[in-house]
Amino acid sequence: DGPAGFDGWLDEVCRRRPVVLVVDDLQWADQSSLDVLMYVLAGLAGRRLAVVTTVRAGEEGPPLRRWLADVRRFPGVGELTLGRLDRAATGEQLAGLLGRPPHQSLVDDVYARTQGNAYLTTLIVRDVSPDARSLPAGLPAELREAAIRAWRGLSPLARALTRLVSVAGRPRHADQLREVAAATGVGEGVVPLLREAVDGAVLEVGHDGTYWFVHPLLAEVLEAGLLPEERATLHAAFAAALEPAVNVDEMGVERVVDLADHHYRAGHQQEAYRWALLAAEAAERAGGATEMLRLLRRALDLSPQVLHPSESHQDLLGRIRAAAEQAGEQEEELAAVDDLLALIDREQQPLLAAELLVRQNHLQEQTGRAPTTGDAAWAAVRLSAEYPDSVAYALAVAELAAEEVWDGLPSGPARADEAVRLARACGSAKALTHALISKVMARFFAGDSAGLAEAQEAQAAAANARDFFWFTAAADWASNCLDISSANREVIEHSRRSREE
């Protein structure tokens, strides 16, 4: 019956009861639907009716923009802007969708790909297990269709340009895109195409003048839709455009990492290996342990395929182990430690072997592996005993002392005292942390709760070593040394300070 017929029916319903009319995703409405809704809003006064509509920012076509301009002049019309969710709110949304608190690694994965878009988050975890630690490979069909809907409305050249942007991997300035577009046949006139993509709610302009996708997942969908040969050609073009005209040390870390990634995805194995190492060094200088770990792992994978690799297999594994420890990636660090222990000759490199055996013990415990035994600690002590002033020997003795104290062996307390002496002598904050904790354990198990000062010193040493796990362990043992019944305020204050630090 047209707008008048619908309005008449709605008027009749409003006489019987209050009504809320909700119109979701108004950006997809056709002109006739907008006309009906305008008719309803124009006759709103006096009726027990509230109208709520939702519009996705940046997706308003010309008909809807004109409609919104008219509606905003009506009395009683208000607007509420809802931004994207932050990481914490995304975690809460996932808990509701999955029925239980998600693993934090899954929250990181989802947030990195949806950037807090609640609708995309709902779609991307639709068939994900509540116990998942990361998202599965690929994207659900419904999500791919939702991400690509606006893109289909662009002209062929604008679609080609946005595919190029997707291969870029991160926001780019127009001049960078122009160079690659000219080299790959898209053409040099990129600004009108960028204008079309922005108006079509496919791209948006960042505060720094770069261009990227309104829905970040669209980049993933578009790149996945390219043929392998097309993808390799575009990555090679980006690598050529980014090749430095200055000294590598003068390049920003993002550009160095981009070069490494583009060479790798273009299939340039020799250059990908070289730039992976350069980018890992740049990431390390910038404090990016996770990025450094990713690039070093790639260099290790590429090493057998390149001529004259600049680093040995053992050296790369050592760097990967150190980067994994710095990034807090315990599973990856344990894998590197296992690989190193299988690779090295323990009698030829006794100090490294001893240190690795102690670290393997710790990581097996921290990652929930089978309970450790004293065998590894004894082996570490035997390997490093000829070097009594070394950090490796101090760590090995501290590990053996902790094992003996925990097992109730009478040799444990004296071994813990020796471990503290060795750690102080070699000056290792990490060895001192372990030694002091073993001494506090020995005191506590003997019924002596006077080890608070040593536990607090262990906390300070762990903080100096930037070792979060052992800082927490030292804080726990310090709490054990406090008499909760008579010093509750002291316990609370210690816990507060430890959490802050």
Protein backbone atom coordinates (compact mmCIF):
# COMPACT_ATOMS: atom_id res chain seq x y z
CA ASP A 1 0.00 0.00 0.00
CA GLY A 2 3.02 2.31 -0.09
CA PRO A 3 4.14 4.75 2.61
CA ALA A 4 0.62 5.84 3.56
CA GLY A 5 -0.59 2.27 4.00
CA PHE A 6 2.35 1.30 6.25
CA ASP A 7 1.99 4.52 8.25
CA GLY A 8 -1.72 3.85 8.76
CA TRP A 9 -1.05 0.34 10.02
CA LEU A 10 1.68 1.65 12.35
CA ASP A 11 -0.65 4.39 13.65
CA GLU A 12 -3.22 1.75 14.57
CA VAL A 13 -0.64 -0.32 16.47
CA CYS A 14 0.56 2.77 18.36
CA ARG A 15 -3.00 3.42 19.62
CA ARG A 16 -3.04 0.00 21.30
CA ARG A 17 0.46 0.05 22.84
CA PRO A 18 3.80 1.93 22.78
CA VAL A 19 5.93 0.87 19.80
CA VAL A 20 9.64 0.90 19.05
CA LEU A 21 10.43 0.54 15.35
CA VAL A 22 14.03 -0.62 14.78
CA VAL A 23 15.64 -0.45 11.32
CA ASP A 24 19.09 -2.03 11.28
CA ASP A 25 21.76 -1.38 8.62
CA LEU A 26 19.96 1.53 7.01
CA GLN A 27 22.88 1.98 4.60
CA TRP A 28 21.49 -0.97 2.62
CA ALA A 29 17.97 0.47 2.26
CA ASP A 30 16.66 1.26 -1.23
CA GLN A 31 14.96 4.56 -2.10
CA SER A 32 11.42 3.23 -1.58
CA SER A 33 12.29 2.03 1.94
CA LEU A 34 13.78 5.44 2.74
CA ASP A 35 10.59 7.10 1.46
CA VAL A 36 8.44 4.94 3.75
CA LEU A 37 10.61 5.72 6.75
CA MET A 38 10.58 9.46 5.96
CA TYR A 39 6.76 9.36 5.84
CA VAL A 40 6.71 7.67 9.26
CA LEU A 41 9.08 10.19 10.80
CA ALA A 42 7.19 13.15 9.39
CA GLY A 43 4.03 11.97 11.18
CA LEU A 44 5.71 11.05 14.44
CA ALA A 45 4.29 13.81 16.73
CA GLY A 46 1.66 12.62 19.23
CA ARG A 47 2.14 8.92 18.62
CA ARG A 48 3.60 6.53 21.20
CA LEU A 49 6.36 5.65 18.78
CA ALA A 50 10.15 5.66 18.90
CA VAL A 51 12.20 4.95 15.79
CA VAL A 52 15.77 3.65 16.08
CA THR A 53 17.97 3.21 13.02
CA THR A 54 21.58 2.11 12.69
CA VAL A 55 23.97 3.23 9.97
CA ARG A 56 27.53 2.05 9.46
CA ALA A 57 29.85 5.02 9.38
CA GLY A 58 31.44 5.60 5.99
CA GLU A 59 28.95 3.42 4.08
CA GLU A 60 26.31 6.06 3.34
CA GLY A 61 25.62 6.36 -0.39
CA PRO A 62 24.31 9.60 -1.95
CA PRO A 63 20.58 8.72 -1.45
CA LEU A 64 21.10 7.99 2.24
CA ARG A 65 23.24 11.11 2.75
CA ARG A 66 20.45 13.27 1.32
CA TRP A 67 17.90 11.43 3.48
CA LEU A 68 19.97 11.94 6.64
CA ALA A 69 20.38 15.66 5.89
CA ASP A 70 16.58 16.03 5.76
CA VAL A 71 15.92 13.89 8.86
CA ARG A 72 18.41 15.81 11.00
CA ARG A 73 16.17 18.89 10.69
CA PHE A 74 13.22 17.13 12.40
CA PRO A 75 12.61 17.96 16.07
CA GLY A 76 13.30 15.09 18.43
CA VAL A 77 15.94 13.47 16.23
CA GLY A 78 19.23 12.69 17.94
CA GLU A 79 22.43 10.84 16.98
CA LEU A 80 24.77 8.63 18.96
CA THR A 81 28.15 7.68 17.52
CA LEU A 82 29.49 4.27 18.53
CA GLY A 83 33.20 3.76 18.00
CA ARG A 84 35.01 0.47 17.56
CA LEU A 85 35.69 -1.67 20.61
CA ASP A 86 39.11 -1.58 22.22
CA ARG A 87 41.02 -4.76 22.96
CA ALA A 88 39.53 -5.21 26.44
CA ALA A 89 35.98 -4.78 25.16
CA THR A 90 36.71 -7.19 22.31
CA GLY A 91 37.77 -9.73 24.94
CA GLU A 92 34.46 -9.21 26.77
CA GLN A 93 32.55 -9.65 23.51
CA LEU A 94 34.42 -12.89 22.82
CA ALA A 95 33.61 -14.17 26.31
CA GLY A 96 29.92 -13.63 25.56
CA LEU A 97 30.13 -15.23 22.12
CA LEU A 98 32.16 -18.26 23.23
CA GLY A 99 30.46 -18.79 26.58
CA ARG A 100 33.68 -18.56 28.59
CA PRO A 101 36.70 -16.24 28.95
CA PRO A 102 38.88 -16.66 25.84
CA HIS A 103 42.61 -17.30 25.78
CA GLN A 104 44.44 -13.97 25.59
CA SER A 105 46.28 -15.11 22.45
CA LEU A 106 42.88 -15.54 20.75
CA VAL A 107 41.87 -12.02 21.83
CA ASP A 108 45.11 -10.68 20.31
CA ASP A 109 44.49 -12.57 17.07
CA VAL A 110 40.87 -11.45 16.72
CA TYR A 111 41.58 -7.82 17.64
CA ALA A 112 44.52 -7.62 15.21
CA ARG A 113 42.26 -8.74 12.35
CA THR A 114 38.95 -6.99 13.14
CA GLN A 115 40.31 -3.83 14.84
CA GLY A 116 37.36 -3.84 17.25
CA ASN A 117 34.60 -4.07 14.64
CA ALA A 118 31.97 -5.94 16.68
CA TYR A 119 30.12 -7.30 13.64
CA LEU A 120 33.28 -8.72 12.05
CA THR A 121 34.32 -10.19 15.41
CA THR A 122 30.97 -12.00 15.63
CA LEU A 123 31.44 -13.49 12.17
CA ILE A 124 35.11 -14.45 12.53
CA VAL A 125 34.57 -16.59 15.67
CA ARG A 126 31.24 -18.14 14.67
CA ASP A 127 32.64 -21.71 14.47
CA VAL A 128 35.68 -21.23 16.71
CA SER A 129 36.12 -23.49 19.75
CA PRO A 130 35.99 -21.77 23.17
CA ASP A 131 39.36 -23.40 23.91
CA ALA A 132 41.05 -22.04 20.76
CA ARG A 133 44.30 -20.14 21.23
CA SER A 134 44.23 -18.60 17.73
CA LEU A 135 41.94 -18.28 14.74
CA PRO A 136 41.93 -21.04 12.11
CA ALA A 137 43.39 -20.38 8.68
CA GLY A 138 41.12 -18.66 6.18
CA LEU A 139 37.90 -16.73 6.73
CA PRO A 140 34.27 -17.88 6.93
CA ALA A 141 32.35 -17.38 3.67
CA GLU A 142 29.81 -15.05 5.33
CA LEU A 143 32.62 -12.87 6.65
CA ARG A 144 34.35 -12.69 3.26
CA GLU A 145 31.07 -11.62 1.66
CA ALA A 146 30.41 -8.99 4.35
CA ALA A 147 33.91 -7.57 3.95
CA ILE A 148 33.82 -7.40 0.14
CA ARG A 149 30.26 -6.07 -0.39
CA ALA A 150 31.16 -2.37 -0.74
CA TRP A 151 34.27 -3.19 -2.81
CA ARG A 152 32.17 -4.79 -5.57
CA GLY A 153 30.63 -1.39 -6.32
CA LEU A 154 33.95 0.17 -7.39
CA SER A 155 35.13 0.57 -10.96
CA PRO A 156 37.59 -2.02 -12.32
CA LEU A 157 40.57 0.34 -11.99
CA ALA A 158 39.64 1.31 -8.42
CA ARG A 159 39.31 -2.39 -7.55
CA ALA A 160 42.75 -3.01 -9.05
CA LEU A 161 44.23 -0.20 -6.98
CA THR A 162 42.67 -1.48 -3.76
CA ARG A 163 44.09 -4.95 -4.48
CA LEU A 164 47.46 -3.25 -4.73
CA VAL A 165 46.85 -1.54 -1.38
CA SER A 166 46.01 -4.93 0.17
CA VAL A 167 49.38 -6.31 -0.93
CA ALA A 168 51.11 -3.30 0.64
CA GLY A 169 50.30 -4.86 4.01
CA ARG A 170 49.95 -1.57 5.87
CA PRO A 171 48.70 2.02 5.26
CA ARG A 172 50.49 3.79 2.42
CA HIS A 173 50.83 7.33 1.08
CA ALA A 174 49.57 8.14 -2.40
CA ASP A 175 53.06 8.70 -3.84
CA GLN A 176 54.17 5.20 -2.77
CA LEU A 177 51.06 3.70 -4.34
CA ARG A 178 51.57 5.75 -7.53
CA GLU A 179 55.03 4.29 -8.12
CA VAL A 180 53.85 0.69 -7.73
CA ALA A 181 50.67 1.34 -9.72
CA ALA A 182 52.70 2.69 -12.63
CA ALA A 183 55.03 -0.32 -12.52
CA THR A 184 52.20 -2.86 -12.50
CA GLY A 185 49.90 -1.40 -15.19
CA VAL A 186 47.28 0.23 -12.98
CA GLY A 187 48.47 3.67 -14.11
CA GLU A 188 49.78 6.80 -12.45
CA GLY A 189 46.43 8.56 -11.90
CA VAL A 190 45.83 7.05 -8.48
CA VAL A 191 44.27 10.08 -6.75
CA PRO A 192 40.87 9.87 -8.54
CA LEU A 193 40.83 6.13 -7.83
CA LEU A 194 41.64 6.74 -4.17
CA ARG A 195 38.83 9.32 -4.09
CA GLU A 196 36.42 6.72 -5.49
CA ALA A 197 37.51 4.11 -2.95
CA VAL A 198 37.16 6.55 -0.05
CA ASP A 199 33.72 7.72 -1.21
CA GLY A 200 32.70 4.08 -1.60
CA ALA A 201 33.62 3.36 2.05
CA VAL A 202 36.34 0.89 1.02
CA LEU A 203 39.39 2.97 2.01
CA GLU A 204 39.80 5.67 4.61
CA VAL A 205 42.41 8.38 5.06
CA GLY A 206 44.51 8.15 8.19
CA HIS A 207 45.54 11.12 10.30
CA ASP A 208 48.99 10.91 8.69
CA GLY A 209 47.59 11.03 5.14
CA THR A 210 47.95 7.31 4.44
CA TYR A 211 45.25 5.10 2.92
CA TRP A 212 43.97 1.83 4.38
CA PHE A 213 40.80 -0.23 4.50
CA VAL A 214 37.72 0.79 6.46
CA HIS A 215 37.31 -2.91 7.33
CA PRO A 216 40.84 -4.31 7.85
CA LEU A 217 39.78 -7.85 6.94
CA LEU A 218 39.09 -6.70 3.38
CA ALA A 219 42.86 -6.49 2.82
CA GLU A 220 43.16 -10.17 3.73
CA VAL A 221 40.22 -11.13 1.47
CA LEU A 222 41.55 -9.17 -1.53
CA GLU A 223 45.10 -10.47 -1.28
CA ALA A 224 43.86 -14.05 -0.89
CA GLY A 225 41.84 -13.58 -4.09
CA LEU A 226 44.91 -12.85 -6.20
CA LEU A 227 46.63 -15.51 -8.28
CA PRO A 228 50.04 -16.53 -6.86
CA GLU A 229 51.76 -14.97 -9.89
CA GLU A 230 49.83 -11.70 -9.48
CA ARG A 231 50.67 -11.56 -5.80
CA ALA A 232 54.37 -12.21 -6.39
CA THR A 233 54.52 -9.50 -9.09
CA LEU A 234 52.97 -6.90 -6.79
CA HIS A 235 55.25 -7.81 -3.88
CA ALA A 236 58.27 -7.52 -6.19
CA ALA A 237 57.08 -4.06 -7.28
CA PHE A 238 56.77 -2.93 -3.67
CA ALA A 239 60.23 -4.30 -2.88
CA ALA A 240 61.68 -2.34 -5.80
CA ALA A 241 59.88 0.83 -4.72
CA LEU A 242 61.12 0.50 -1.15
CA GLU A 243 64.74 -0.36 -2.03
CA PRO A 244 66.86 2.19 -0.16
CA ALA A 245 68.76 5.01 -1.74
CA VAL A 246 70.42 5.66 1.63
CA ASN A 247 72.38 3.66 4.17
CA VAL A 248 70.26 0.91 5.75
CA ASP A 249 71.02 2.27 9.22
CA GLU A 250 69.24 5.50 8.26
CA MET A 251 66.02 3.70 7.31
CA GLY A 252 63.03 3.51 9.66
CA VAL A 253 62.25 0.14 11.15
CA GLU A 254 58.89 -0.14 9.35
CA ARG A 255 60.51 0.30 5.95
CA VAL A 256 63.18 -2.31 6.68
CA VAL A 257 60.55 -4.81 7.86
CA ASP A 258 58.40 -4.05 4.81
CA LEU A 259 61.34 -4.75 2.49
CA ALA A 260 61.97 -8.07 4.22
CA ASP A 261 58.31 -9.07 3.90
CA HIS A 262 57.93 -8.02 0.26
CA HIS A 263 61.12 -9.80 -0.85
CA TYR A 264 59.97 -12.92 0.97
CA ARG A 265 56.48 -12.90 -0.57
CA ALA A 266 57.92 -12.16 -4.01
CA GLY A 267 59.99 -15.34 -3.73
CA HIS A 268 63.37 -13.56 -3.65
CA GLN A 269 65.04 -16.03 -1.30
CA GLN A 270 68.51 -14.52 -1.15
CA GLU A 271 67.24 -10.98 -0.60
CA ALA A 272 64.52 -12.21 1.77
CA TYR A 273 67.18 -13.85 3.96
CA ARG A 274 69.43 -10.77 3.99
CA TRP A 275 66.60 -8.38 4.76
CA ALA A 276 65.10 -10.66 7.40
CA LEU A 277 68.35 -10.39 9.38
CA LEU A 278 68.58 -6.62 8.82
CA ALA A 279 64.94 -6.19 9.84
CA ALA A 280 65.43 -8.35 12.93
CA GLU A 281 68.28 -6.07 14.02
CA ALA A 282 66.14 -2.99 13.38
CA ALA A 283 63.25 -4.48 15.35
CA GLU A 284 65.59 -5.29 18.23
CA ARG A 285 66.86 -1.70 18.34
CA ALA A 286 63.25 -0.51 18.45
CA GLY A 287 62.35 -2.94 21.26
CA GLY A 288 60.12 -5.11 19.05
CA ALA A 289 60.91 -8.56 20.41
CA THR A 290 57.91 -10.28 18.81
CA GLU A 291 58.71 -8.86 15.36
CA MET A 292 62.37 -9.76 15.81
CA LEU A 293 61.37 -13.35 16.66
CA ARG A 294 59.17 -13.63 13.55
CA LEU A 295 61.96 -12.42 11.25
CA LEU A 296 64.67 -14.59 12.81
CA ARG A 297 62.44 -17.64 12.46
CA ARG A 298 62.03 -16.80 8.77
CA ALA A 299 65.79 -16.43 8.34
CA LEU A 300 66.25 -19.87 9.90
CA ASP A 301 63.73 -21.39 7.47
CA LEU A 302 65.39 -19.70 4.49
CA SER A 303 68.96 -20.51 5.52
CA PRO A 304 69.19 -23.92 3.77
CA GLN A 305 67.93 -22.38 0.51
CA VAL A 306 70.42 -19.48 0.19
CA LEU A 307 74.02 -19.36 -0.96
CA HIS A 308 76.57 -18.72 1.77
CA PRO A 309 74.25 -17.82 4.68
CA SER A 310 75.86 -15.24 6.92
CA GLU A 311 74.85 -16.95 10.17
CA SER A 312 75.19 -20.55 11.28
CA HIS A 313 72.22 -22.70 12.26
CA GLN A 314 73.38 -22.63 15.87
CA ASP A 315 73.80 -18.84 15.94
CA LEU A 316 70.30 -18.33 14.53
CA LEU A 317 68.79 -20.74 17.05
CA GLY A 318 70.59 -18.85 19.83
CA ARG A 319 69.17 -15.55 18.63
CA ILE A 320 65.69 -17.05 18.29
CA ARG A 321 65.92 -18.39 21.83
CA ALA A 322 66.94 -14.98 23.20
CA ALA A 323 64.19 -13.19 21.23
CA ALA A 324 61.57 -15.69 22.40
CA GLU A 325 62.61 -15.17 26.02
CA GLN A 326 62.41 -11.40 25.59
CA ALA A 327 58.97 -11.68 23.96
CA GLY A 328 57.65 -14.07 26.62
CA GLU A 329 57.02 -16.81 24.03
CA GLN A 330 57.86 -19.78 26.26
CA GLU A 331 56.80 -22.54 23.86
CA GLU A 332 58.99 -21.11 21.10
CA GLU A 333 61.90 -20.63 23.48
CA LEU A 334 61.60 -24.23 24.68
CA ALA A 335 61.59 -25.48 21.08
CA ALA A 336 64.77 -23.47 20.38
CA VAL A 337 66.43 -24.78 23.55
CA ASP A 338 65.53 -28.37 22.60
CA ASP A 339 66.94 -27.85 19.10
CA LEU A 340 70.15 -26.34 20.45
CA LEU A 341 70.68 -29.20 22.91
CA ALA A 342 70.23 -31.68 20.06
CA LEU A 343 72.66 -29.73 17.85
CA ILE A 344 75.62 -28.86 20.05
CA ASP A 345 78.42 -31.10 21.32
CA ARG A 346 77.99 -30.85 25.09
CA GLU A 347 81.59 -31.73 25.85
CA GLN A 348 82.89 -29.13 23.39
CA GLN A 349 80.51 -26.40 24.63
CA PRO A 350 79.96 -27.32 28.28
CA LEU A 351 78.92 -23.87 29.56
CA LEU A 352 76.30 -23.37 26.87
CA ALA A 353 75.02 -26.91 27.41
CA ALA A 354 74.77 -26.36 31.18
CA GLU A 355 72.89 -23.09 30.77
CA LEU A 356 70.52 -24.70 28.24
CA LEU A 357 69.80 -27.66 30.53
CA VAL A 358 68.84 -25.32 33.38
CA ARG A 359 66.67 -23.22 31.10
CA GLN A 360 65.03 -26.34 29.66
CA ASN A 361 64.12 -27.41 33.21
CA HIS A 362 62.54 -24.03 33.93
CA LEU A 363 60.60 -23.89 30.66
CA GLN A 364 59.29 -27.43 31.03
CA GLU A 365 57.89 -26.46 34.42
CA GLN A 366 56.48 -23.15 33.22
CA THR A 367 54.74 -24.70 30.19
CA GLY A 368 53.16 -27.51 32.20
CA ARG A 369 55.40 -30.34 31.04
CA ALA A 370 56.17 -33.40 33.19
CA PRO A 371 57.73 -32.58 36.60
CA THR A 372 61.46 -32.06 36.41
CA THR A 373 63.99 -34.32 38.09
CA GLY A 374 67.45 -33.64 39.43
CA ASP A 375 69.12 -35.40 36.49
CA ALA A 376 69.33 -32.28 34.31
CA ALA A 377 70.58 -30.15 37.21
CA TRP A 378 73.28 -32.72 38.06
CA ALA A 379 74.30 -32.87 34.38
CA ALA A 380 74.52 -29.05 34.26
CA VAL A 381 76.69 -28.99 37.40
CA ARG A 382 78.99 -31.68 36.01
CA LEU A 383 79.40 -29.88 32.65
CA SER A 384 80.22 -26.49 34.20
CA ALA A 385 82.18 -27.57 37.30
CA GLU A 386 85.54 -26.84 35.64
CA TYR A 387 84.46 -23.18 35.38
CA PRO A 388 83.49 -22.29 38.98
CA ASP A 389 83.45 -18.54 38.27
CA SER A 390 81.00 -18.83 35.38
CA VAL A 391 77.37 -17.79 35.28
CA ALA A 392 76.48 -21.24 33.94
CA TYR A 393 77.93 -22.94 37.03
CA ALA A 394 76.13 -20.55 39.39
CA LEU A 395 72.83 -21.23 37.60
CA ALA A 396 73.42 -24.99 37.68
CA VAL A 397 74.20 -25.06 41.40
CA ALA A 398 71.16 -22.88 42.15
CA GLU A 399 68.96 -25.25 40.11
CA LEU A 400 70.35 -28.31 41.89
CA ALA A 401 69.88 -26.62 45.28
CA ALA A 402 66.23 -25.89 44.50
CA GLU A 403 65.67 -29.51 43.43
CA GLU A 404 67.32 -30.84 46.61
CA VAL A 405 65.44 -28.46 48.90
CA TRP A 406 62.12 -29.28 47.25
CA ASP A 407 62.81 -33.02 47.60
CA GLY A 408 63.76 -32.59 51.28
CA LEU A 409 67.34 -33.75 50.87
CA PRO A 410 69.69 -32.74 53.73
CA SER A 411 72.25 -31.41 51.22
CA GLY A 412 69.80 -28.76 49.98
CA PRO A 413 70.34 -25.89 52.49
CA ALA A 414 74.14 -25.96 52.21
CA ARG A 415 73.89 -26.15 48.42
CA ALA A 416 71.61 -23.08 48.48
CA ASP A 417 74.19 -21.13 50.53
CA GLU A 418 76.87 -22.12 48.01
CA ALA A 419 74.63 -21.04 45.12
CA VAL A 420 74.17 -17.57 46.66
CA ARG A 421 77.94 -17.20 47.09
CA LEU A 422 78.61 -18.24 43.49
CA ALA A 423 75.90 -15.92 42.12
CA ARG A 424 77.26 -12.92 44.01
CA ALA A 425 80.77 -13.71 42.80
CA CYS A 426 79.86 -13.95 39.10
CA GLY A 427 77.53 -10.90 39.22
CA SER A 428 74.57 -12.50 37.41
CA ALA A 429 71.21 -11.09 38.47
CA LYS A 430 69.41 -14.14 37.09
CA ALA A 431 71.65 -16.59 38.96
CA LEU A 432 71.23 -14.55 42.14
CA THR A 433 67.44 -14.67 41.80
CA HIS A 434 67.41 -18.47 41.57
CA ALA A 435 69.97 -18.89 44.35
CA LEU A 436 68.17 -16.61 46.79
CA ILE A 437 64.83 -18.30 46.12
CA SER A 438 66.38 -21.71 46.84
CA LYS A 439 67.76 -20.33 50.12
CA VAL A 440 64.38 -18.85 51.12
CA MET A 441 62.75 -22.21 50.30
CA ALA A 442 65.27 -24.01 52.53
CA ARG A 443 64.57 -21.62 55.41
CA PHE A 444 60.82 -21.88 55.01
CA PHE A 445 60.73 -25.68 54.88
CA ALA A 446 62.88 -25.74 58.03
CA GLY A 447 60.26 -23.64 59.83
CA ASP A 448 62.28 -20.42 59.62
CA SER A 449 60.18 -17.57 58.18
CA ALA A 450 62.99 -15.00 58.52
CA GLY A 451 63.88 -15.07 54.82
CA LEU A 452 61.88 -11.97 53.88
CA ALA A 453 64.94 -9.78 53.18
CA GLU A 454 66.43 -12.45 50.91
CA ALA A 455 63.11 -12.93 49.09
CA GLN A 456 62.85 -9.19 48.53
CA GLU A 457 66.44 -9.13 47.28
CA ALA A 458 65.47 -11.93 44.88
CA GLN A 459 62.61 -9.76 43.64
CA ALA A 460 64.99 -6.87 43.01
CA ALA A 461 67.44 -9.16 41.19
CA ALA A 462 64.66 -10.61 39.00
CA ALA A 463 63.47 -7.10 38.16
CA ASN A 464 67.05 -6.17 37.22
CA ALA A 465 67.17 -9.27 34.98
CA ARG A 466 63.75 -8.36 33.54
CA ASP A 467 62.53 -11.88 34.35
CA PHE A 468 58.80 -11.69 35.02
CA PHE A 469 58.27 -15.36 35.96
CA TRP A 470 60.97 -15.40 38.61
CA PHE A 471 59.99 -11.98 39.91
CA THR A 472 56.54 -13.43 40.55
CA ALA A 473 58.05 -16.51 42.21
CA ALA A 474 60.19 -14.33 44.48
CA ALA A 475 57.15 -12.22 45.39
CA ASP A 476 55.25 -15.37 46.32
CA TRP A 477 58.06 -16.57 48.58
CA ALA A 478 58.27 -13.14 50.18
CA SER A 479 54.57 -13.40 50.98
CA ASN A 480 55.18 -16.83 52.53
CA CYS A 481 57.70 -15.21 54.88
CA LEU A 482 55.11 -12.74 56.19
CA ASP A 483 52.95 -13.69 59.18
CA ILE A 484 49.45 -13.12 57.84
CA SER A 485 47.78 -13.41 61.24
CA SER A 486 49.77 -10.57 62.80
CA ALA A 487 50.84 -8.47 59.83
CA ASN A 488 47.93 -8.48 57.42
CA ARG A 489 48.52 -4.84 56.40
CA GLU A 490 52.15 -5.67 55.65
CA VAL A 491 51.09 -8.57 53.42
CA ILE A 492 48.66 -6.36 51.53
CA GLU A 493 51.24 -3.61 51.11
CA HIS A 494 53.86 -6.08 49.84
CA SER A 495 51.39 -7.53 47.33
CA ARG A 496 50.44 -4.05 46.14
CA ARG A 497 54.06 -3.02 45.61
CA SER A 498 54.84 -6.28 43.80
CA ARG A 499 51.88 -5.87 41.44
CA GLU A 500 52.92 -2.30 40.64
CA GLU A 501 56.50 -3.27 39.95
